Amino acid sequence: MRNDTRQKYSAMIERMAKTYGIQNVEKSFAATPSIEQRLMDKIVESSAFLQRINVIGVDELKGEKILGSVNGMVGKRTNTTSNDRQTVDPLGLDAFGYECVKTEYDVHILYQTLDAWAKFSDFNDRFMKYVRKAIAHARIKHGFYGAQAAAETNSNANPNGEDVNVGWFQHLRNYNASAQMLKEGETAGKIRIGAGGDYVNLDALVHDVLQLVADPFRDGDDLVAVIGRDLLAQDKSQLYISQGQKPSEKERVENSAVTRTYGGLPSHSLPFFPARGLLITSWDNLSLYYQNGAVRQKIEDNSKRDRVEHYNTMNEAYVVETLDKAAAIEFKNVELPDGQGGWA
């Protein structure tokens, strides 16, 4: 680390220590509730997707869900001459709770990178934005790919954090004998999308998966279809084949006029979403809980490795607030036409 970089780095950790009310950031430290909330808000601001869902602090490591979805009939009439009026709980919270698990978000930044940043006036912000964005991206991957919370994770075997936490897809796999998860079509263990397959196009697939959403929620105006990039690309290629010879229609395809409704639902594409995945729910039905007061940090200047290390620990849980209000496909089982008369 160059001398001018060292000066900026020292000023940064001194400022951080003052913010958190501690003497030394190179020892594990926590934050006051207000500072911790600001930290969580900054991480959420690093991702447009995290801003759409619920990111909520909870006091207990394990407990009941906080939010729910309005369902059932609340309109009624009572003969108060003989009966008392009875209230109805509109949230419909299910019996499945949450359990936060310890998650480590440890990153490092090389001296040479810090040296390159030293010429900028926003050195502090660049450093923290790097850390926060890395945490935000990892959180999203865990939410979509997470299948278990292993005692010790293996990023080589599980590059998308499949063993870090139990994510939203996995909750649907576990729920109600997977009634909310489409796993196969006519061929066991396969979902084939395209001409000659189980679903001729994306519209047909979304329509069928929508039927797995429970009745009270299926007609809601807040449902969306989150669709993986491979499925969208397949749909776009079909449009090219059918309409690409017409200049006006080709322009529509190339201008992404295909970002339309599928199966009657508005479609969305998200970063780090499974390329062949499909998830139908509302944004406010997906949550990420973190335990209040359990966020720990530490910054270490590791000269033996020519880098600065930033250690972050949080207790987190991924929650589908109302499981009946969500449905998905098993993205690992999806096959698309391979262009040679087969499927891959």
Protein backbone atom coordinates (compact mmCIF):
# COMPACT_ATOMS: atom_id res chain seq x y z
CA MET A 1 0.00 0.00 0.00
CA ARG A 2 1.42 3.37 -0.99
CA ASN A 3 1.96 6.09 1.62
CA ASP A 4 -0.85 8.28 0.29
CA THR A 5 -3.16 5.27 0.24
CA ARG A 6 -2.15 4.44 3.80
CA GLN A 7 -3.13 7.93 4.90
CA LYS A 8 -6.56 7.63 3.31
CA TYR A 9 -7.07 4.14 4.70
CA SER A 10 -6.10 5.27 8.21
CA ALA A 11 -8.48 8.22 7.99
CA MET A 12 -11.25 5.85 6.86
CA ILE A 13 -10.91 3.41 9.77
CA GLU A 14 -10.60 6.30 12.21
CA ARG A 15 -13.84 7.76 10.86
CA MET A 16 -15.50 4.35 11.05
CA ALA A 17 -14.42 3.87 14.68
CA LYS A 18 -15.88 7.26 15.54
CA THR A 19 -19.16 6.43 13.78
CA TYR A 20 -19.54 3.15 15.67
CA GLY A 21 -18.33 4.63 18.96
CA ILE A 22 -15.39 2.24 19.38
CA GLN A 23 -11.62 2.58 19.67
CA ASN A 24 -10.46 -0.09 17.25
CA VAL A 25 -12.22 -1.52 14.18
CA GLU A 26 -9.61 -4.29 13.94
CA LYS A 27 -11.41 -6.13 16.72
CA SER A 28 -14.90 -7.55 16.24
CA PHE A 29 -17.52 -4.90 16.96
CA ALA A 30 -21.27 -4.38 16.82
CA ALA A 31 -23.29 -1.24 16.18
CA THR A 32 -26.01 0.67 17.97
CA PRO A 33 -29.51 -0.14 16.66
CA SER A 34 -29.71 3.09 14.65
CA ILE A 35 -26.30 2.62 13.03
CA GLU A 36 -27.07 -1.04 12.34
CA GLN A 37 -30.30 -0.02 10.62
CA ARG A 38 -28.43 2.48 8.46
CA LEU A 39 -25.96 -0.26 7.49
CA MET A 40 -28.78 -2.61 6.49
CA ASP A 41 -30.49 0.17 4.54
CA LYS A 42 -27.29 0.89 2.63
CA ILE A 43 -26.95 -2.79 1.66
CA VAL A 44 -30.57 -2.81 0.44
CA GLU A 45 -29.93 0.35 -1.58
CA SER A 46 -27.20 -1.55 -3.44
CA SER A 47 -29.82 -3.71 -5.17
CA ALA A 48 -33.05 -2.73 -6.95
CA PHE A 49 -34.44 -6.18 -6.20
CA LEU A 50 -33.78 -6.00 -2.44
CA GLN A 51 -35.63 -2.67 -2.44
CA ARG A 52 -38.73 -4.42 -3.81
CA ILE A 53 -38.98 -7.13 -1.15
CA ASN A 54 -39.11 -7.01 2.65
CA VAL A 55 -35.78 -6.79 4.50
CA ILE A 56 -36.74 -6.83 8.17
CA GLY A 57 -34.91 -6.87 11.48
CA VAL A 58 -36.23 -9.38 14.04
CA ASP A 59 -35.35 -9.70 17.71
CA GLU A 60 -35.41 -13.48 18.03
CA LEU A 61 -33.20 -16.03 16.27
CA LYS A 62 -36.26 -18.21 15.65
CA GLY A 63 -39.95 -17.38 15.65
CA GLU A 64 -43.18 -16.81 13.79
CA LYS A 65 -43.41 -14.90 10.53
CA ILE A 66 -44.10 -11.20 10.77
CA LEU A 67 -46.05 -10.44 7.62
CA GLY A 68 -48.75 -12.23 5.68
CA SER A 69 -51.12 -11.80 2.77
CA VAL A 70 -54.72 -10.68 3.00
CA ASN A 71 -57.04 -13.55 2.18
CA GLY A 72 -60.48 -14.87 2.96
CA MET A 73 -63.76 -13.04 3.34
CA VAL A 74 -64.06 -10.34 5.97
CA GLY A 75 -67.40 -8.84 4.88
CA LYS A 76 -70.33 -10.21 6.90
CA ARG A 77 -73.43 -9.33 8.92
CA THR A 78 -74.29 -10.32 12.50
CA ASN A 79 -77.59 -10.52 14.35
CA THR A 80 -76.33 -8.74 17.48
CA THR A 81 -79.56 -9.51 19.31
CA SER A 82 -78.36 -13.05 19.86
CA ASN A 83 -74.69 -13.10 18.79
CA ASP A 84 -71.53 -11.09 19.34
CA ARG A 85 -69.73 -9.69 16.35
CA GLN A 86 -66.58 -11.70 15.61
CA THR A 87 -63.42 -10.30 14.05
CA VAL A 88 -61.46 -12.09 11.33
CA ASP A 89 -57.66 -12.19 10.96
CA PRO A 90 -57.09 -11.01 7.36
CA LEU A 91 -53.37 -11.83 7.23
CA GLY A 92 -53.66 -15.61 7.14
CA LEU A 93 -50.22 -16.34 8.62
CA ASP A 94 -49.30 -20.00 8.09
CA ALA A 95 -47.76 -22.31 10.67
CA PHE A 96 -44.28 -22.20 9.16
CA GLY A 97 -41.97 -19.86 11.04
CA TYR A 98 -38.43 -18.67 10.43
CA GLU A 99 -34.98 -19.51 11.77
CA CYS A 100 -32.01 -17.24 11.26
CA VAL A 101 -28.63 -18.86 10.63
CA LYS A 102 -25.19 -17.32 10.97
CA THR A 103 -23.88 -16.07 7.64
CA GLU A 104 -20.36 -14.77 7.01
CA TYR A 105 -19.82 -12.09 4.38
CA ASP A 106 -16.05 -11.76 4.41
CA VAL A 107 -14.37 -9.85 1.58
CA HIS A 108 -10.95 -8.43 0.87
CA ILE A 109 -9.61 -5.64 -1.33
CA LEU A 110 -6.07 -5.82 -2.68
CA TYR A 111 -3.55 -3.08 -1.97
CA GLN A 112 -3.18 -2.41 -5.70
CA THR A 113 -6.92 -1.73 -5.95
CA LEU A 114 -6.79 0.62 -2.96
CA ASP A 115 -3.80 2.39 -4.53
CA ALA A 116 -5.87 2.96 -7.67
CA TRP A 117 -8.74 4.37 -5.59
CA ALA A 118 -6.51 6.70 -3.55
CA LYS A 119 -6.63 9.41 -6.23
CA PHE A 120 -10.40 9.75 -5.83
CA SER A 121 -11.98 12.01 -3.23
CA ASP A 122 -14.65 9.40 -2.44
CA PHE A 123 -12.15 6.75 -1.28
CA ASN A 124 -14.24 5.87 1.80
CA ASP A 125 -17.46 5.51 -0.17
CA ARG A 126 -15.80 3.37 -2.84
CA PHE A 127 -14.50 0.97 -0.22
CA MET A 128 -17.86 0.59 1.55
CA LYS A 129 -19.88 0.41 -1.69
CA TYR A 130 -17.66 -2.48 -2.79
CA VAL A 131 -18.38 -4.34 0.44
CA ARG A 132 -22.11 -3.58 0.49
CA LYS A 133 -22.64 -4.58 -3.14
CA ALA A 134 -20.81 -7.87 -2.58
CA ILE A 135 -23.10 -8.62 0.37
CA ALA A 136 -26.23 -7.65 -1.60
CA HIS A 137 -25.31 -9.89 -4.53
CA ALA A 138 -24.56 -12.84 -2.25
CA ARG A 139 -27.87 -12.38 -0.42
CA ILE A 140 -29.80 -12.57 -3.70
CA LYS A 141 -28.00 -15.74 -4.78
CA HIS A 142 -28.67 -17.42 -1.44
CA GLY A 143 -32.35 -16.51 -1.74
CA PHE A 144 -32.81 -18.13 -5.14
CA TYR A 145 -30.35 -21.03 -5.00
CA GLY A 146 -30.11 -21.82 -1.28
CA ALA A 147 -31.07 -25.42 -0.48
CA GLN A 148 -29.59 -25.98 2.99
CA ALA A 149 -27.61 -24.38 5.79
CA ALA A 150 -24.51 -26.57 6.02
CA ALA A 151 -22.31 -26.54 9.13
CA GLU A 152 -19.41 -25.59 6.86
CA THR A 153 -19.98 -24.36 3.34
CA ASN A 154 -18.06 -25.31 0.19
CA SER A 155 -18.09 -22.59 -2.45
CA ASN A 156 -16.32 -24.81 -5.01
CA ALA A 157 -19.08 -27.41 -4.90
CA ASN A 158 -21.81 -24.79 -4.41
CA PRO A 159 -20.83 -21.68 -6.40
CA ASN A 160 -24.22 -20.00 -5.96
CA GLY A 161 -24.38 -20.47 -2.20
CA GLU A 162 -26.60 -23.55 -2.36
CA ASP A 163 -25.33 -24.60 1.08
CA VAL A 164 -25.41 -21.20 2.83
CA ASN A 165 -29.09 -20.90 3.73
CA VAL A 166 -32.56 -22.18 2.88
CA GLY A 167 -33.84 -19.91 0.11
CA TRP A 168 -37.27 -19.13 -1.30
CA PHE A 169 -37.31 -21.91 -3.92
CA GLN A 170 -36.33 -24.46 -1.28
CA HIS A 171 -39.18 -23.37 1.01
CA LEU A 172 -41.58 -24.12 -1.86
CA ARG A 173 -39.91 -27.51 -2.41
CA ASN A 174 -40.41 -28.34 1.27
CA TYR A 175 -43.98 -27.08 1.53
CA ASN A 176 -47.11 -29.22 1.26
CA ALA A 177 -45.46 -32.11 -0.62
CA SER A 178 -44.21 -29.58 -3.20
CA ALA A 179 -47.75 -28.67 -4.29
CA GLN A 180 -46.44 -25.21 -5.19
CA MET A 181 -43.55 -26.53 -7.28
CA LEU A 182 -43.89 -27.93 -10.82
CA LYS A 183 -41.20 -30.58 -11.15
CA GLU A 184 -41.94 -32.52 -14.32
CA GLY A 185 -44.08 -32.90 -17.41
CA GLU A 186 -44.76 -36.08 -19.40
CA THR A 187 -41.16 -37.23 -18.99
CA ALA A 188 -40.19 -38.01 -15.41
CA GLY A 189 -37.87 -35.41 -13.94
CA LYS A 190 -38.04 -33.18 -17.05
CA ILE A 191 -39.91 -30.00 -17.96
CA ARG A 192 -39.59 -29.43 -21.70
CA ILE A 193 -40.47 -26.02 -23.09
CA GLY A 194 -40.78 -25.52 -26.85
CA ALA A 195 -42.42 -27.09 -29.88
CA GLY A 196 -43.09 -30.77 -29.18
CA GLY A 197 -42.47 -30.38 -25.45
CA ASP A 198 -44.69 -30.18 -22.40
CA TYR A 199 -45.28 -26.47 -23.01
CA VAL A 200 -45.19 -25.02 -26.49
CA ASN A 201 -44.23 -21.59 -25.18
CA LEU A 202 -43.68 -19.48 -22.10
CA ASP A 203 -47.29 -18.28 -21.97
CA ALA A 204 -48.55 -21.84 -21.56
CA LEU A 205 -45.99 -22.57 -18.83
CA VAL A 206 -46.80 -19.43 -16.82
CA HIS A 207 -50.53 -20.14 -17.13
CA ASP A 208 -50.13 -23.65 -15.72
CA VAL A 209 -47.83 -22.60 -12.88
CA LEU A 210 -50.26 -19.83 -11.95
CA GLN A 211 -52.84 -22.53 -11.23
CA LEU A 212 -50.59 -23.77 -8.40
CA VAL A 213 -51.13 -20.49 -6.54
CA ALA A 214 -53.98 -20.96 -4.04
CA ASP A 215 -57.43 -19.70 -5.00
CA PRO A 216 -57.68 -16.67 -2.69
CA PHE A 217 -54.53 -15.16 -4.21
CA ARG A 218 -54.70 -16.23 -7.86
CA ASP A 219 -56.83 -13.30 -8.95
CA GLY A 220 -54.83 -10.70 -7.02
CA ASP A 221 -53.53 -7.71 -8.95
CA ASP A 222 -50.08 -7.87 -7.33
CA LEU A 223 -48.78 -11.16 -8.73
CA VAL A 224 -45.75 -11.08 -11.02
CA ALA A 225 -43.85 -13.70 -13.02
CA VAL A 226 -40.09 -13.66 -12.47
CA ILE A 227 -38.54 -15.42 -15.46
CA GLY A 228 -34.98 -16.60 -16.09
CA ARG A 229 -32.92 -15.27 -18.99
CA ASP A 230 -32.75 -18.61 -20.88
CA LEU A 231 -36.54 -18.87 -20.97
CA LEU A 232 -36.87 -15.28 -22.14
CA ALA A 233 -34.19 -15.84 -24.77
CA GLN A 234 -36.02 -18.93 -26.03
CA ASP A 235 -39.24 -16.95 -26.31
CA LYS A 236 -37.43 -14.15 -28.13
CA SER A 237 -35.86 -16.59 -30.59
CA GLN A 238 -39.29 -17.99 -31.41
CA LEU A 239 -40.44 -14.45 -32.20
CA TYR A 240 -37.44 -13.96 -34.49
CA ILE A 241 -38.31 -17.17 -36.33
CA SER A 242 -41.99 -16.28 -36.76
CA GLN A 243 -41.73 -12.52 -37.31
CA GLY A 244 -38.09 -11.64 -37.92
CA GLN A 245 -38.50 -11.32 -41.68
CA LYS A 246 -40.84 -8.36 -41.26
CA PRO A 247 -38.80 -5.18 -40.63
CA SER A 248 -41.43 -3.60 -38.36
CA GLU A 249 -41.84 -6.78 -36.30
CA LYS A 250 -38.08 -7.39 -36.13
CA GLU A 251 -37.64 -3.90 -34.70
CA ARG A 252 -40.20 -4.69 -32.00
CA VAL A 253 -38.32 -7.82 -31.01
CA GLU A 254 -34.94 -6.08 -30.97
CA ASN A 255 -36.33 -3.20 -28.90
CA SER A 256 -37.40 -5.75 -26.27
CA ALA A 257 -41.08 -5.16 -26.87
CA VAL A 258 -41.25 -8.76 -25.76
CA THR A 259 -41.01 -7.72 -22.13
CA ARG A 260 -44.72 -8.25 -21.93
CA THR A 261 -47.21 -10.22 -19.92
CA TYR A 262 -46.93 -13.99 -19.87
CA GLY A 263 -49.94 -16.07 -18.91
CA GLY A 264 -51.67 -12.81 -17.99
CA LEU A 265 -48.94 -11.72 -15.54
CA PRO A 266 -46.37 -8.91 -15.88
CA SER A 267 -42.91 -10.41 -16.34
CA HIS A 268 -39.63 -9.44 -14.70
CA SER A 269 -36.01 -10.50 -15.17
CA LEU A 270 -33.71 -10.30 -12.13
CA PRO A 271 -29.94 -10.49 -11.61
CA PHE A 272 -28.70 -13.83 -10.25
CA PHE A 273 -32.08 -15.47 -10.86
CA PRO A 274 -31.81 -19.07 -12.17
CA ALA A 275 -31.51 -18.89 -15.96
CA ARG A 276 -34.28 -21.47 -16.42
CA GLY A 277 -36.33 -20.49 -13.39
CA LEU A 278 -39.88 -19.25 -13.05
CA LEU A 279 -41.36 -17.86 -9.83
CA ILE A 280 -44.87 -16.47 -9.46
CA THR A 281 -45.66 -14.42 -6.36
CA SER A 282 -45.90 -10.80 -5.23
CA TRP A 283 -42.85 -8.77 -4.22
CA ASP A 284 -44.15 -8.26 -0.69
CA ASN A 285 -44.47 -12.02 -0.24
CA LEU A 286 -40.68 -12.46 -0.25
CA SER A 287 -38.73 -11.49 2.85
CA LEU A 288 -35.22 -11.53 4.23
CA TYR A 289 -35.05 -11.40 8.03
CA TYR A 290 -31.90 -10.47 9.94
CA GLN A 291 -31.49 -10.61 13.72
CA ASN A 292 -31.22 -7.24 15.40
CA GLY A 293 -28.03 -6.72 17.39
CA ALA A 294 -26.29 -9.73 15.85
CA VAL A 295 -24.43 -7.90 13.08
CA ARG A 296 -20.66 -8.05 13.69
CA GLN A 297 -17.81 -6.44 11.74
CA LYS A 298 -14.05 -6.34 11.75
CA ILE A 299 -11.47 -4.75 9.42
CA GLU A 300 -7.96 -6.11 9.23
CA ASP A 301 -4.91 -4.86 7.33
CA ASN A 302 -3.29 -8.13 6.25
CA SER A 303 0.16 -7.15 4.97
CA LYS A 304 1.12 -10.82 4.60
CA ARG A 305 -1.40 -11.05 1.75
CA ASP A 306 -1.18 -7.44 0.48
CA ARG A 307 -4.83 -6.74 1.16
CA VAL A 308 -7.40 -5.26 3.54
CA GLU A 309 -9.96 -7.75 4.85
CA HIS A 310 -13.49 -6.82 5.90
CA TYR A 311 -15.29 -9.43 8.02
CA ASN A 312 -19.09 -9.30 8.37
CA THR A 313 -21.33 -11.68 10.29
CA MET A 314 -25.15 -11.66 10.26
CA ASN A 315 -27.92 -14.02 11.32
CA GLU A 316 -30.40 -14.30 8.44
CA ALA A 317 -33.48 -16.19 7.26
CA TYR A 318 -35.27 -16.25 3.90
CA VAL A 319 -39.05 -16.27 4.22
CA VAL A 320 -41.99 -16.78 1.89
CA GLU A 321 -44.58 -14.95 3.97
CA THR A 322 -47.60 -16.83 2.56
CA LEU A 323 -46.53 -20.07 0.90
CA ASP A 324 -49.92 -20.53 -0.79
CA LYS A 325 -49.32 -17.24 -2.62
CA ALA A 326 -46.26 -18.52 -4.49
CA ALA A 327 -45.54 -21.14 -7.15
CA ALA A 328 -42.46 -22.05 -9.17
CA ILE A 329 -40.84 -24.61 -11.44
CA GLU A 330 -37.89 -26.84 -10.63
CA PHE A 331 -35.36 -24.96 -12.74
CA LYS A 332 -32.83 -27.82 -12.57
CA ASN A 333 -35.25 -30.02 -14.56
CA VAL A 334 -35.96 -27.60 -17.45
CA GLU A 335 -34.90 -28.61 -20.96
CA LEU A 336 -35.06 -26.48 -24.12
CA PRO A 337 -34.75 -27.46 -27.81
CA ASP A 338 -31.10 -28.03 -28.72
CA GLY A 339 -31.59 -27.07 -32.38
CA GLN A 340 -30.91 -30.63 -33.55
CA GLY A 341 -34.27 -32.19 -32.82
CA GLY A 342 -33.45 -33.00 -29.19
CA TRP A 343 -33.51 -31.39 -25.76
CA ALA A 344 -30.80 -30.01 -23.53
